[in-house]
Amino acid sequence: MGQVRMLPTPANDVRSADAVRIYPATITVSDTRAIYAAALDKLVADFGADTNVALLDQEPDRVSGWFTFMWGSKANSSGRPVIDI
């Protein structure tokens, strides 16, 4: 399974809702952007809009457990996760 890694540049006081609003705009492929946005919207709903993303590295088991719970068994034949949008 994947690993949760700390951001290379400290992201102090960045709310998850703000990060999720800004990050998808950096993805140029619309289908990919929609899939990432859907996944990140679910993360915000479960972790809270005011969660400081810089502190998520202090809870790697919680974050990886969340991803495993949400999409661990939902893979298509290519092995890529299938996300219901």
C-alpha atoms as a PDB file:
ATOM      1  CA  MET A   1       0.000   0.000   0.000  1.00  0.00           C
ATOM      2  CA  GLY A   2       1.083   3.611  -0.463  1.00  0.00           C
ATOM      3  CA  GLN A   3       2.754   5.859   2.035  1.00  0.00           C
ATOM      4  CA  VAL A   4       1.768   9.212   3.477  1.00  0.00           C
ATOM      5  CA  ARG A   5       4.637  11.658   3.120  1.00  0.00           C
ATOM      6  CA  MET A   6       5.229  15.068   4.599  1.00  0.00           C
ATOM      7  CA  LEU A   7       5.124  17.975   2.180  1.00  0.00           C
ATOM      8  CA  PRO A   8       8.651  19.133   1.220  1.00  0.00           C
ATOM      9  CA  THR A   9       7.766  22.712   2.120  1.00  0.00           C
ATOM     10  CA  PRO A  10       6.019  23.298   5.423  1.00  0.00           C
ATOM     11  CA  ALA A  11       2.358  24.130   4.839  1.00  0.00           C
ATOM     12  CA  ASN A  12       1.528  25.818   8.098  1.00  0.00           C
ATOM     13  CA  ASP A  13      -2.066  26.780   8.734  1.00  0.00           C
ATOM     14  CA  VAL A  14      -3.453  25.540   5.409  1.00  0.00           C
ATOM     15  CA  ARG A  15      -7.023  24.339   5.839  1.00  0.00           C
ATOM     16  CA  SER A  16      -7.937  21.155   4.005  1.00  0.00           C
ATOM     17  CA  ALA A  17     -10.914  22.916   2.382  1.00  0.00           C
ATOM     18  CA  ASP A  18      -8.576  25.575   0.939  1.00  0.00           C
ATOM     19  CA  ALA A  19      -6.046  23.016  -0.296  1.00  0.00           C
ATOM     20  CA  VAL A  20      -8.805  20.994  -1.966  1.00  0.00           C
ATOM     21  CA  ARG A  21     -10.181  24.103  -3.619  1.00  0.00           C
ATOM     22  CA  ILE A  22      -6.768  25.146  -4.997  1.00  0.00           C
ATOM     23  CA  TYR A  23      -4.974  21.866  -5.848  1.00  0.00           C
ATOM     24  CA  PRO A  24      -7.365  20.487  -8.514  1.00  0.00           C
ATOM     25  CA  ALA A  25      -6.919  23.682 -10.528  1.00  0.00           C
ATOM     26  CA  THR A  26      -3.294  22.629 -11.090  1.00  0.00           C
ATOM     27  CA  ILE A  27      -4.393  19.437 -12.909  1.00  0.00           C
ATOM     28  CA  THR A  28      -4.821  20.084 -16.630  1.00  0.00           C
ATOM     29  CA  VAL A  29      -6.638  16.878 -17.649  1.00  0.00           C
ATOM     30  CA  SER A  30     -10.319  17.387 -16.858  1.00  0.00           C
ATOM     31  CA  ASP A  31     -11.177  13.723 -16.145  1.00  0.00           C
ATOM     32  CA  THR A  32      -8.213  13.393 -13.794  1.00  0.00           C
ATOM     33  CA  ARG A  33      -9.072  16.696 -12.140  1.00  0.00           C
ATOM     34  CA  ALA A  34     -12.662  15.530 -11.525  1.00  0.00           C
ATOM     35  CA  ILE A  35     -11.513  12.229  -9.971  1.00  0.00           C
ATOM     36  CA  TYR A  36      -8.991  13.942  -7.691  1.00  0.00           C
ATOM     37  CA  ALA A  37     -11.541  16.578  -6.706  1.00  0.00           C
ATOM     38  CA  ALA A  38     -14.109  13.905  -5.808  1.00  0.00           C
ATOM     39  CA  ALA A  39     -11.604  12.014  -3.666  1.00  0.00           C
ATOM     40  CA  LEU A  40     -10.384  15.163  -1.936  1.00  0.00           C
ATOM     41  CA  ASP A  41     -13.938  16.376  -1.311  1.00  0.00           C
ATOM     42  CA  LYS A  42     -14.606  13.101   0.524  1.00  0.00           C
ATOM     43  CA  LEU A  43     -11.398  13.567   2.531  1.00  0.00           C
ATOM     44  CA  VAL A  44     -12.521  17.056   3.599  1.00  0.00           C
ATOM     45  CA  ALA A  45     -15.958  15.724   4.527  1.00  0.00           C
ATOM     46  CA  ASP A  46     -14.426  13.031   6.751  1.00  0.00           C
ATOM     47  CA  PHE A  47     -11.453  14.913   8.223  1.00  0.00           C
ATOM     48  CA  GLY A  48     -13.077  18.342   8.472  1.00  0.00           C
ATOM     49  CA  ALA A  49     -12.790  21.532   6.444  1.00  0.00           C
ATOM     50  CA  ASP A  50     -10.607  23.211   9.067  1.00  0.00           C
ATOM     51  CA  THR A  51      -8.093  20.363   9.377  1.00  0.00           C
ATOM     52  CA  ASN A  52      -4.550  21.711   9.020  1.00  0.00           C
ATOM     53  CA  VAL A  53      -2.979  19.705   6.191  1.00  0.00           C
ATOM     54  CA  ALA A  54       0.486  20.219   7.678  1.00  0.00           C
ATOM     55  CA  LEU A  55      -0.572  18.141  10.675  1.00  0.00           C
ATOM     56  CA  LEU A  56      -1.812  15.126   8.707  1.00  0.00           C
ATOM     57  CA  ASP A  57       1.719  13.700   8.691  1.00  0.00           C
ATOM     58  CA  GLN A  58       1.326  13.237  12.453  1.00  0.00           C
ATOM     59  CA  GLU A  59      -1.521  10.783  11.806  1.00  0.00           C
ATOM     60  CA  PRO A  60      -0.212   8.507   9.027  1.00  0.00           C
ATOM     61  CA  ASP A  61      -2.208   5.496  10.215  1.00  0.00           C
ATOM     62  CA  ARG A  62      -5.429   7.496  10.202  1.00  0.00           C
ATOM     63  CA  VAL A  63      -4.795   8.904   6.719  1.00  0.00           C
ATOM     64  CA  SER A  64      -3.655   5.626   5.150  1.00  0.00           C
ATOM     65  CA  GLY A  65      -6.488   3.780   6.905  1.00  0.00           C
ATOM     66  CA  TRP A  66      -8.964   6.244   5.439  1.00  0.00           C
ATOM     67  CA  PHE A  67      -7.645   5.704   1.902  1.00  0.00           C
ATOM     68  CA  THR A  68      -7.673   1.936   2.364  1.00  0.00           C
ATOM     69  CA  PHE A  69     -11.225   2.014   3.735  1.00  0.00           C
ATOM     70  CA  MET A  70     -12.488   4.283   0.950  1.00  0.00           C
ATOM     71  CA  TRP A  71     -10.810   2.719  -2.085  1.00  0.00           C
ATOM     72  CA  GLY A  72      -8.718  -0.286  -1.072  1.00  0.00           C
ATOM     73  CA  SER A  73     -11.074  -2.842  -2.584  1.00  0.00           C
ATOM     74  CA  LYS A  74     -12.322  -0.682  -5.458  1.00  0.00           C
ATOM     75  CA  ALA A  75      -9.875  -1.327  -8.265  1.00  0.00           C
ATOM     76  CA  ASN A  76     -10.598  -2.120 -11.885  1.00  0.00           C
ATOM     77  CA  SER A  77      -8.645  -4.606 -14.003  1.00  0.00           C
ATOM     78  CA  SER A  78      -5.810  -2.090 -14.435  1.00  0.00           C
ATOM     79  CA  GLY A  79      -5.329  -1.959 -10.673  1.00  0.00           C
ATOM     80  CA  ARG A  80      -6.355   1.699 -10.551  1.00  0.00           C
ATOM     81  CA  PRO A  81      -8.900   2.678  -7.921  1.00  0.00           C
ATOM     82  CA  VAL A  82     -12.421   3.278  -9.126  1.00  0.00           C
ATOM     83  CA  ILE A  83     -13.988   6.330  -7.506  1.00  0.00           C
ATOM     84  CA  ASP A  84     -17.689   6.965  -7.707  1.00  0.00           C
ATOM     85  CA  ILE A  85     -18.183  10.638  -8.499  1.00  0.00           C
END
